[in-house]
Amino acid sequence: MSTPISGFSKLSKSQKISWLAENYFNDAQAGIRVLQQYWNSDQKLQQLHDEFIENTISNYYLPLGVAPNFAINDKMYAIPMAIEESSVVAAASNAAKFWLDKGGFKAKVIQSVKNGQVHLNFYGDSARLEAFFNEVKPTLLADCESITTNMRKRGGGILDLELRNKTQELAGYYQLHATFETLDAMGANFINSCLEQFASSLLREAAKSTLITEEDRLEVVMSILSNYVPECIVRAEVSCPVNELAQAGMSGQEFATKFARAVQIAQTEVRRAVTHNKGIMNGIDAVVLATGNDFRAVEAGVHAYASKDGHYRSLTHAAVSDGVFRFWIEIPLAIGTVGGLTKLHPLVKLCFEMLGNPGAKELMQIMAVAGLAQNFAALRSLTTTGIQKGHMKMHLMNILNQLEATPQEKEAAIEHFKANTVSHAAAVSFLESLRP
């Protein structure tokens, strides 16, 4: 059994790997070989990757695919997607092709405001705290001038700062709620720097004010941006006459009605809504990853938004009215096209080039469209042929690789399963029939 190690972060990369191999791998040399197989032969490039995070021992690959034929606001895109799940890229591509001759996707950014809070304890009279805040607010904003100069030159900066009384939710709890426009930056470091300056200035001014006493126990608990951004919203939509939706032996009206009903179910039933929204995030997360953005922040904010009225619901909506089918999404996305990995990771830079080097608002639109396309493809399958037919066809190659099929066996299996149901057991049986 391994014993704790002191100073692990100070070890060299090779020393870290040797310690892991000796203490945690069943076959030390085999484990080391696997790690080394994923190193880049370009030492400078490998060092770049090593320095992205701490205690790096290797690179972890995800497939980078592309979904072509996306018409968004009358502009053509090939969308990069980094994801491990079978059928996601294929589904997005199919949805893009489906809507290509029906006007494509329309998208727009509704708002782009981000926010953060200085969380406070205060146990005195709320009227005195409010009077104090109103008195020092100009000073708090002025103290951030050096932080906001460059952002303001580009048209962004601090939008507002307000005191919020949250004592009904938690005794003694107040917050300074700040809103920001960060333009093409995701803005986490900018926002957090401003918030910490607000906190420092607030305590400094409180120490000099007669409105705040020691008995009030004014204290800064923490200062941090929020990943819940309901004022940073993008909308994407598709629409067409109902009669253009006929497919799989169904009339356009029948398909549209059944599709809209599936969305209504996801609006109503939380167990369905979670899986429904997970499918949306298959598309969005894949683009977030490919562009070097923070998919954990996006996921957290999106799922909170799905619960904004107290009931977790579908992020997409559908309607059939006057012979027209409409399908749309409104979703919060706080992402950036500058900073972070966007200018460091060579593949991220190439993905941006593939997209035409969009700004943050255009990238928000692309991501929202990817999520809408993914959801359309999933619901289209669910309400017609069923999800497994297409998904398992795409999953077949993974099964064959697990079974160590030869190239000839793979070719035969692909042909066989064009007319037969894919399953792990069926693949095993088929390969056994080929092998002596």
Protein backbone atom coordinates (compact mmCIF):
# COMPACT_ATOMS: atom_id res chain seq x y z
CA MET A 1 0.00 0.00 0.00
CA SER A 2 1.35 3.42 -0.99
CA THR A 3 2.40 5.87 1.70
CA PRO A 4 1.80 9.64 1.45
CA ILE A 5 4.45 11.62 -0.40
CA SER A 6 5.78 15.05 0.53
CA GLY A 7 6.94 17.54 -2.09
CA PHE A 8 5.43 15.72 -5.06
CA SER A 9 4.95 18.94 -7.02
CA LYS A 10 8.67 19.69 -6.73
CA LEU A 11 9.69 16.43 -8.42
CA SER A 12 10.62 16.40 -12.09
CA LYS A 13 8.16 14.93 -14.57
CA SER A 14 10.16 11.68 -14.84
CA GLN A 15 10.41 11.42 -11.04
CA LYS A 16 6.63 11.88 -10.67
CA ILE A 17 6.02 9.13 -13.21
CA SER A 18 8.52 6.77 -11.59
CA TRP A 19 6.87 7.25 -8.19
CA LEU A 20 3.41 6.61 -9.65
CA ALA A 21 4.60 3.54 -11.54
CA GLU A 22 6.26 2.04 -8.47
CA ASN A 23 3.31 2.70 -6.18
CA TYR A 24 0.15 2.49 -8.30
CA PHE A 25 0.73 0.57 -11.58
CA ASN A 26 0.47 -3.22 -11.71
CA ASP A 27 3.14 -3.29 -14.41
CA ALA A 28 5.39 -0.26 -13.86
CA GLN A 29 7.16 -0.37 -17.22
CA ALA A 30 3.96 -0.98 -19.19
CA GLY A 31 2.32 1.98 -17.46
CA ILE A 32 5.27 4.24 -18.24
CA ARG A 33 5.19 3.16 -21.90
CA VAL A 34 1.51 4.09 -22.21
CA LEU A 35 2.15 7.55 -20.74
CA GLN A 36 5.10 8.13 -23.04
CA GLN A 37 3.17 7.03 -26.14
CA TYR A 38 1.00 10.12 -25.74
CA TRP A 39 3.89 12.59 -25.46
CA ASN A 40 4.46 14.86 -28.44
CA SER A 41 7.75 14.30 -30.25
CA ASP A 42 8.16 18.08 -30.54
CA GLN A 43 9.73 18.89 -27.16
CA LYS A 44 8.75 22.56 -27.27
CA LEU A 45 5.12 21.67 -27.98
CA GLN A 46 5.15 19.04 -25.25
CA GLN A 47 6.53 21.55 -22.75
CA LEU A 48 3.71 23.93 -23.67
CA HIS A 49 1.17 21.23 -22.84
CA ASP A 50 3.02 20.27 -19.67
CA GLU A 51 2.73 23.84 -18.42
CA PHE A 52 -1.04 24.15 -18.90
CA ILE A 53 -1.66 22.50 -15.50
CA GLU A 54 0.24 21.17 -12.48
CA ASN A 55 1.82 17.74 -12.02
CA THR A 56 1.52 16.87 -15.73
CA ILE A 57 2.52 13.33 -16.64
CA SER A 58 1.13 12.96 -20.19
CA ASN A 59 -1.42 14.22 -22.70
CA TYR A 60 -5.00 12.93 -22.72
CA TYR A 61 -6.38 12.76 -26.23
CA LEU A 62 -9.95 13.42 -27.31
CA PRO A 63 -10.98 13.08 -30.96
CA LEU A 64 -11.31 16.40 -32.78
CA GLY A 65 -14.02 16.15 -35.41
CA VAL A 66 -15.75 18.60 -37.69
CA ALA A 67 -19.44 19.09 -38.50
CA PRO A 68 -19.74 20.85 -41.88
CA ASN A 69 -22.60 22.55 -43.72
CA PHE A 70 -23.85 24.81 -40.93
CA ALA A 71 -25.61 27.87 -42.34
CA ILE A 72 -25.84 30.40 -39.50
CA ASN A 73 -27.22 33.85 -40.26
CA ASP A 74 -26.56 33.16 -43.97
CA LYS A 75 -22.88 32.36 -43.37
CA MET A 76 -21.40 28.89 -43.84
CA TYR A 77 -19.43 27.23 -41.04
CA ALA A 78 -17.55 24.00 -40.48
CA ILE A 79 -17.79 23.55 -36.71
CA PRO A 80 -14.94 21.86 -34.76
CA MET A 81 -16.06 19.45 -32.04
CA ALA A 82 -13.85 17.75 -29.43
CA ILE A 83 -15.71 14.84 -27.87
CA GLU A 84 -15.38 11.10 -27.23
CA GLU A 85 -19.04 10.06 -27.62
CA SER A 86 -20.04 8.19 -30.76
CA SER A 87 -22.65 9.77 -33.07
CA VAL A 88 -22.46 13.34 -31.71
CA VAL A 89 -20.56 14.77 -34.67
CA ALA A 90 -22.62 12.72 -37.12
CA ALA A 91 -25.87 13.91 -35.55
CA ALA A 92 -24.81 17.57 -35.67
CA SER A 93 -23.74 17.18 -39.30
CA ASN A 94 -27.04 15.55 -40.24
CA ALA A 95 -29.02 18.32 -38.57
CA ALA A 96 -26.95 20.96 -40.36
CA LYS A 97 -27.60 19.29 -43.71
CA PHE A 98 -31.32 18.91 -42.92
CA TRP A 99 -31.75 22.65 -42.32
CA LEU A 100 -29.39 23.81 -45.06
CA ASP A 101 -32.10 24.13 -47.72
CA LYS A 102 -34.71 25.38 -45.23
CA GLY A 103 -33.08 28.72 -44.42
CA GLY A 104 -30.45 27.40 -42.05
CA PHE A 105 -30.07 28.57 -38.45
CA LYS A 106 -30.72 32.08 -37.15
CA ALA A 107 -28.95 33.24 -34.02
CA LYS A 108 -28.47 36.42 -32.01
CA VAL A 109 -26.95 37.49 -28.71
CA ILE A 110 -29.63 39.03 -26.50
CA GLN A 111 -27.36 40.17 -23.65
CA SER A 112 -23.68 39.79 -22.74
CA VAL A 113 -23.57 40.93 -19.10
CA LYS A 114 -21.49 38.94 -16.59
CA ASN A 115 -21.46 39.27 -12.83
CA GLY A 116 -19.66 38.63 -9.56
CA GLN A 117 -20.14 39.22 -5.86
CA VAL A 118 -18.31 40.30 -2.72
CA HIS A 119 -20.00 38.22 -0.02
CA LEU A 120 -20.33 40.01 3.31
CA ASN A 121 -21.29 39.40 6.92
CA PHE A 122 -22.94 42.37 8.68
CA TYR A 123 -25.04 42.12 11.84
CA GLY A 124 -25.92 45.76 12.44
CA ASP A 125 -28.67 48.04 11.16
CA SER A 126 -29.16 47.52 7.42
CA ALA A 127 -30.03 51.20 6.93
CA ARG A 128 -26.57 52.23 8.18
CA LEU A 129 -24.85 49.73 5.88
CA GLU A 130 -26.85 51.04 2.93
CA ALA A 131 -26.00 54.64 3.79
CA PHE A 132 -22.33 53.69 4.11
CA PHE A 133 -22.35 51.89 0.75
CA ASN A 134 -23.97 54.83 -1.03
CA GLU A 135 -21.33 57.09 0.46
CA VAL A 136 -18.33 54.96 -0.56
CA LYS A 137 -19.56 53.55 -3.88
CA PRO A 138 -17.78 56.23 -5.97
CA THR A 139 -14.55 55.46 -4.11
CA LEU A 140 -14.92 51.72 -4.69
CA LEU A 141 -15.34 52.29 -8.41
CA ALA A 142 -12.50 54.81 -8.57
CA ASP A 143 -10.13 52.36 -6.87
CA CYS A 144 -10.63 49.96 -9.80
CA GLU A 145 -9.53 52.50 -12.42
CA SER A 146 -6.12 50.91 -12.95
CA ILE A 147 -7.70 47.46 -13.40
CA THR A 148 -10.38 48.58 -15.84
CA THR A 149 -8.39 51.01 -18.03
CA ASN A 150 -7.66 48.62 -20.90
CA MET A 151 -11.09 47.01 -20.80
CA ARG A 152 -12.76 50.45 -20.91
CA LYS A 153 -10.65 51.44 -23.91
CA ARG A 154 -12.17 48.49 -25.77
CA GLY A 155 -15.71 49.44 -24.72
CA GLY A 156 -16.17 47.18 -21.69
CA GLY A 157 -15.69 47.49 -17.96
CA ILE A 158 -17.79 47.69 -14.80
CA LEU A 159 -21.46 48.34 -15.55
CA ASP A 160 -22.82 48.71 -12.03
CA LEU A 161 -22.23 47.95 -8.36
CA GLU A 162 -25.05 47.51 -5.87
CA LEU A 163 -25.56 46.38 -2.28
CA ARG A 164 -27.97 43.48 -1.90
CA ASN A 165 -29.60 42.55 1.39
CA LYS A 166 -29.83 38.74 1.56
CA THR A 167 -30.65 38.45 5.25
CA GLN A 168 -34.01 36.82 4.58
CA GLU A 169 -32.14 33.88 3.05
CA LEU A 170 -29.25 33.85 5.57
CA ALA A 171 -28.83 35.84 8.78
CA GLY A 172 -26.28 38.62 8.47
CA TYR A 173 -25.64 37.99 4.77
CA TYR A 174 -25.16 40.85 2.31
CA GLN A 175 -23.37 41.11 -1.00
CA LEU A 176 -21.90 43.65 -3.32
CA HIS A 177 -23.31 42.57 -6.67
CA ALA A 178 -21.27 43.82 -9.63
CA THR A 179 -22.04 43.55 -13.33
CA PHE A 180 -19.49 43.65 -16.14
CA GLU A 181 -19.06 43.76 -19.90
CA THR A 182 -15.92 41.83 -20.81
CA LEU A 183 -16.28 41.82 -24.62
CA ASP A 184 -14.23 39.02 -26.24
CA ALA A 185 -12.70 37.88 -22.93
CA MET A 186 -14.42 35.34 -20.73
CA GLY A 187 -13.30 37.80 -18.06
CA ALA A 188 -12.80 35.63 -14.97
CA ASN A 189 -9.47 37.18 -13.97
CA PHE A 190 -10.67 40.70 -14.74
CA ILE A 191 -13.88 40.26 -12.72
CA ASN A 192 -12.14 38.63 -9.76
CA SER A 193 -9.49 41.36 -9.66
CA CYS A 194 -12.19 44.03 -9.53
CA LEU A 195 -14.11 42.19 -6.83
CA GLU A 196 -11.06 41.78 -4.62
CA GLN A 197 -10.32 45.49 -5.00
CA PHE A 198 -13.92 46.31 -4.02
CA ALA A 199 -13.52 44.15 -0.91
CA SER A 200 -10.23 45.75 0.10
CA SER A 201 -11.55 49.27 -0.43
CA LEU A 202 -14.77 48.53 1.43
CA LEU A 203 -12.94 47.35 4.54
CA ARG A 204 -10.52 50.29 4.38
CA GLU A 205 -13.38 52.80 4.19
CA ALA A 206 -15.38 51.00 6.87
CA ALA A 207 -12.48 51.38 9.30
CA LYS A 208 -12.72 55.17 8.88
CA SER A 209 -16.52 55.49 8.88
CA THR A 210 -18.72 56.40 11.84
CA LEU A 211 -21.57 54.46 10.20
CA ILE A 212 -19.88 51.11 10.80
CA THR A 213 -19.05 49.91 14.32
CA GLU A 214 -17.12 46.97 15.69
CA GLU A 215 -20.39 45.51 16.96
CA ASP A 216 -21.63 45.31 13.36
CA ARG A 217 -18.97 42.67 12.67
CA LEU A 218 -18.57 43.71 9.03
CA GLU A 219 -16.50 41.00 7.35
CA VAL A 220 -15.67 40.01 3.80
CA VAL A 221 -16.28 36.28 3.48
CA MET A 222 -15.10 35.93 -0.12
CA SER A 223 -14.98 37.67 -3.49
CA ILE A 224 -15.65 35.65 -6.65
CA LEU A 225 -17.30 35.82 -10.06
CA SER A 226 -20.49 33.85 -10.71
CA ASN A 227 -20.81 31.22 -13.42
CA TYR A 228 -24.56 31.79 -13.37
CA VAL A 229 -25.02 34.38 -16.10
CA PRO A 230 -28.75 34.76 -16.87
CA GLU A 231 -28.01 38.18 -18.40
CA CYS A 232 -25.52 36.70 -20.90
CA ILE A 233 -28.00 35.05 -23.25
CA VAL A 234 -27.89 33.82 -26.83
CA ARG A 235 -30.82 32.59 -28.92
CA ALA A 236 -30.74 30.18 -31.87
CA GLU A 237 -33.70 29.11 -33.99
CA VAL A 238 -34.84 27.12 -37.02
CA SER A 239 -38.21 27.23 -38.74
CA CYS A 240 -39.91 26.00 -41.88
CA PRO A 241 -43.37 25.16 -43.28
CA VAL A 242 -44.72 22.00 -41.69
CA ASN A 243 -45.10 20.27 -45.06
CA GLU A 244 -41.30 20.31 -45.49
CA LEU A 245 -40.85 18.00 -42.49
CA ALA A 246 -42.33 14.81 -43.97
CA GLN A 247 -40.02 11.85 -43.30
CA ALA A 248 -39.76 8.22 -42.17
CA GLY A 249 -43.27 7.47 -43.40
CA MET A 250 -44.72 10.38 -41.38
CA SER A 251 -46.45 13.46 -42.75
CA GLY A 252 -44.91 16.82 -41.92
CA GLN A 253 -47.81 17.62 -39.59
CA GLU A 254 -47.50 14.29 -37.78
CA PHE A 255 -43.74 14.70 -37.32
CA ALA A 256 -44.01 18.32 -36.17
CA THR A 257 -46.77 17.50 -33.68
CA LYS A 258 -44.92 14.53 -32.24
CA PHE A 259 -41.64 16.47 -32.08
CA ALA A 260 -43.26 19.39 -30.24
CA ARG A 261 -44.88 16.92 -27.84
CA ALA A 262 -41.45 15.45 -27.05
CA VAL A 263 -40.21 18.95 -26.14
CA GLN A 264 -43.31 19.50 -23.97
CA ILE A 265 -42.50 16.30 -22.10
CA ALA A 266 -38.97 17.58 -21.42
CA GLN A 267 -40.51 20.85 -20.19
CA THR A 268 -42.64 18.87 -17.73
CA GLU A 269 -40.75 15.76 -16.58
CA VAL A 270 -37.40 16.34 -14.89
CA ARG A 271 -36.12 12.83 -15.57
CA ARG A 272 -36.57 13.40 -19.27
CA ALA A 273 -35.37 17.04 -19.09
CA VAL A 274 -31.96 16.06 -17.68
CA THR A 275 -31.26 13.64 -20.54
CA HIS A 276 -32.74 16.06 -23.06
CA ASN A 277 -30.44 18.85 -21.89
CA LYS A 278 -27.46 16.51 -21.68
CA GLY A 279 -27.93 15.95 -25.41
CA ILE A 280 -27.91 19.68 -26.02
CA MET A 281 -24.66 19.96 -24.09
CA ASN A 282 -23.13 17.18 -26.22
CA GLY A 283 -23.08 19.74 -29.00
CA ILE A 284 -22.20 22.81 -26.96
CA ASP A 285 -19.48 21.23 -24.80
CA ALA A 286 -17.77 19.78 -27.87
CA VAL A 287 -17.38 23.28 -29.34
CA VAL A 288 -16.46 24.77 -25.95
CA LEU A 289 -13.63 22.23 -25.64
CA ALA A 290 -12.46 22.67 -29.22
CA THR A 291 -12.16 26.43 -28.66
CA GLY A 292 -10.30 26.17 -25.35
CA ASN A 293 -13.15 27.44 -23.19
CA ASP A 294 -14.33 26.27 -19.76
CA PHE A 295 -17.03 23.63 -20.26
CA ARG A 296 -17.49 23.14 -16.49
CA ALA A 297 -18.46 26.80 -16.07
CA VAL A 298 -20.78 26.61 -19.07
CA GLU A 299 -22.42 23.40 -17.80
CA ALA A 300 -22.98 24.80 -14.29
CA GLY A 301 -24.53 28.01 -15.60
CA VAL A 302 -26.70 26.26 -18.17
CA HIS A 303 -28.21 23.76 -15.74
CA ALA A 304 -28.88 26.48 -13.18
CA TYR A 305 -30.66 28.42 -15.95
CA ALA A 306 -32.77 25.35 -16.75
CA SER A 307 -34.03 25.57 -13.14
CA LYS A 308 -34.54 29.34 -13.04
CA ASP A 309 -38.29 29.12 -12.35
CA GLY A 310 -37.89 26.48 -9.61
CA HIS A 311 -38.47 23.48 -11.87
CA TYR A 312 -35.76 21.90 -14.02
CA ARG A 313 -36.91 22.10 -17.66
CA SER A 314 -35.88 21.67 -21.27
CA LEU A 315 -33.60 24.38 -22.62
CA THR A 316 -35.25 24.12 -26.03
CA HIS A 317 -38.76 25.02 -27.14
CA ALA A 318 -40.93 24.00 -30.09
CA ALA A 319 -44.18 25.31 -31.55
CA VAL A 320 -46.42 24.58 -34.51
CA SER A 321 -48.64 27.46 -35.58
CA ASP A 322 -50.30 28.51 -38.85
CA GLY A 323 -48.56 25.76 -40.75
CA VAL A 324 -45.07 26.74 -39.55
CA PHE A 325 -42.76 24.67 -37.32
CA ARG A 326 -40.39 26.58 -35.01
CA PHE A 327 -37.66 25.16 -32.79
CA TRP A 328 -35.43 27.37 -30.64
CA ILE A 329 -33.12 27.66 -27.66
CA GLU A 330 -32.20 30.49 -25.30
CA ILE A 331 -29.14 29.72 -23.24
CA PRO A 332 -26.55 31.51 -21.07
CA LEU A 333 -22.99 31.26 -22.39
CA ALA A 334 -20.06 33.07 -20.79
CA ILE A 335 -17.16 32.28 -23.11
CA GLY A 336 -14.14 34.06 -24.54
CA THR A 337 -12.10 34.28 -27.72
CA VAL A 338 -9.05 35.88 -26.09
CA GLY A 339 -7.09 34.78 -23.02
CA GLY A 340 -6.74 31.31 -21.53
CA LEU A 341 -5.81 28.61 -24.05
CA THR A 342 -7.30 30.46 -27.02
CA LYS A 343 -3.92 31.83 -28.11
CA LEU A 344 -1.73 29.10 -26.60
CA HIS A 345 -3.03 25.72 -27.73
CA PRO A 346 -2.11 25.12 -31.41
CA LEU A 347 -5.26 23.08 -32.12
CA VAL A 348 -7.46 25.69 -30.45
CA LYS A 349 -5.91 28.36 -32.66
CA LEU A 350 -6.59 26.18 -35.71
CA CYS A 351 -10.21 25.67 -34.61
CA PHE A 352 -10.66 29.42 -34.39
CA GLU A 353 -9.18 29.76 -37.86
CA MET A 354 -11.66 27.11 -39.08
CA LEU A 355 -14.50 29.24 -37.69
CA GLY A 356 -13.18 32.45 -39.25
CA ASN A 357 -11.70 33.81 -35.99
CA PRO A 358 -15.04 34.86 -34.47
CA GLY A 359 -15.46 37.29 -31.59
CA ALA A 360 -17.17 36.15 -28.41
CA LYS A 361 -20.69 37.04 -29.54
CA GLU A 362 -20.34 35.17 -32.82
CA LEU A 363 -18.88 32.17 -31.00
CA MET A 364 -21.84 32.23 -28.58
CA GLN A 365 -24.13 31.97 -31.58
CA ILE A 366 -22.15 29.07 -33.07
CA MET A 367 -22.24 27.16 -29.77
CA ALA A 368 -25.98 27.71 -29.31
CA VAL A 369 -26.60 26.47 -32.84
CA ALA A 370 -24.49 23.36 -32.17
CA GLY A 371 -26.64 22.60 -29.13
CA LEU A 372 -29.89 23.19 -31.01
CA ALA A 373 -28.73 21.01 -33.91
CA GLN A 374 -27.76 18.21 -31.54
CA ASN A 375 -31.14 18.34 -29.83
CA PHE A 376 -33.00 18.39 -33.14
CA ALA A 377 -31.10 15.32 -34.33
CA ALA A 378 -31.78 13.45 -31.07
CA LEU A 379 -35.50 14.26 -31.00
CA ARG A 380 -35.81 13.47 -34.69
CA SER A 381 -34.40 9.99 -34.03
CA LEU A 382 -36.41 9.46 -30.85
CA THR A 383 -39.72 10.33 -32.49
CA THR A 384 -39.10 8.35 -35.70
CA THR A 385 -36.66 5.40 -35.86
CA GLY A 386 -35.54 5.36 -32.22
CA ILE A 387 -32.22 6.50 -30.81
CA GLN A 388 -30.37 3.17 -30.86
CA LYS A 389 -30.44 2.49 -34.58
CA GLY A 390 -28.20 5.41 -35.47
CA HIS A 391 -26.23 5.49 -32.24
CA MET A 392 -25.28 1.82 -32.28
CA LYS A 393 -24.24 2.02 -35.93
CA MET A 394 -21.74 4.70 -34.89
CA HIS A 395 -20.78 2.71 -31.78
CA LEU A 396 -20.03 -0.41 -33.84
CA MET A 397 -16.42 0.61 -34.52
CA ASN A 398 -15.75 0.99 -30.78
CA ILE A 399 -17.11 -2.52 -30.19
CA LEU A 400 -15.00 -3.95 -33.02
CA ASN A 401 -11.88 -2.28 -31.64
CA GLN A 402 -12.60 -3.70 -28.19
CA LEU A 403 -12.82 -7.15 -29.80
CA GLU A 404 -9.54 -6.54 -31.69
CA ALA A 405 -11.16 -7.07 -35.09
CA THR A 406 -8.86 -7.08 -38.11
CA PRO A 407 -9.38 -4.57 -40.97
CA GLN A 408 -11.00 -7.35 -43.02
CA GLU A 409 -13.29 -8.31 -40.13
CA LYS A 410 -14.29 -4.67 -39.63
CA GLU A 411 -15.18 -4.32 -43.30
CA ALA A 412 -17.31 -7.47 -43.19
CA ALA A 413 -18.99 -6.41 -39.94
CA ILE A 414 -19.89 -2.96 -41.26
CA GLU A 415 -21.53 -4.57 -44.30
CA HIS A 416 -23.34 -7.16 -42.15
CA PHE A 417 -24.75 -4.63 -39.70
CA LYS A 418 -26.17 -2.41 -42.43
CA ALA A 419 -29.15 -4.75 -42.30
CA ASN A 420 -28.86 -6.11 -38.75
CA THR A 421 -29.24 -4.69 -35.25
CA VAL A 422 -25.96 -3.71 -33.59
CA SER A 423 -25.18 -4.95 -30.09
CA HIS A 424 -22.07 -6.13 -28.32
CA ALA A 425 -23.36 -9.71 -28.25
CA ALA A 426 -24.28 -9.58 -31.95
CA ALA A 427 -20.81 -8.28 -32.83
CA VAL A 428 -19.15 -11.08 -30.81
CA SER A 429 -21.32 -13.67 -32.52
CA PHE A 430 -20.59 -12.29 -35.98
CA LEU A 431 -16.83 -12.21 -35.43
CA GLU A 432 -16.90 -15.76 -34.08
CA SER A 433 -18.64 -16.84 -37.29
CA LEU A 434 -15.75 -15.40 -39.29
CA ARG A 435 -12.95 -16.82 -37.23
CA PRO A 436 -11.73 -20.40 -37.54
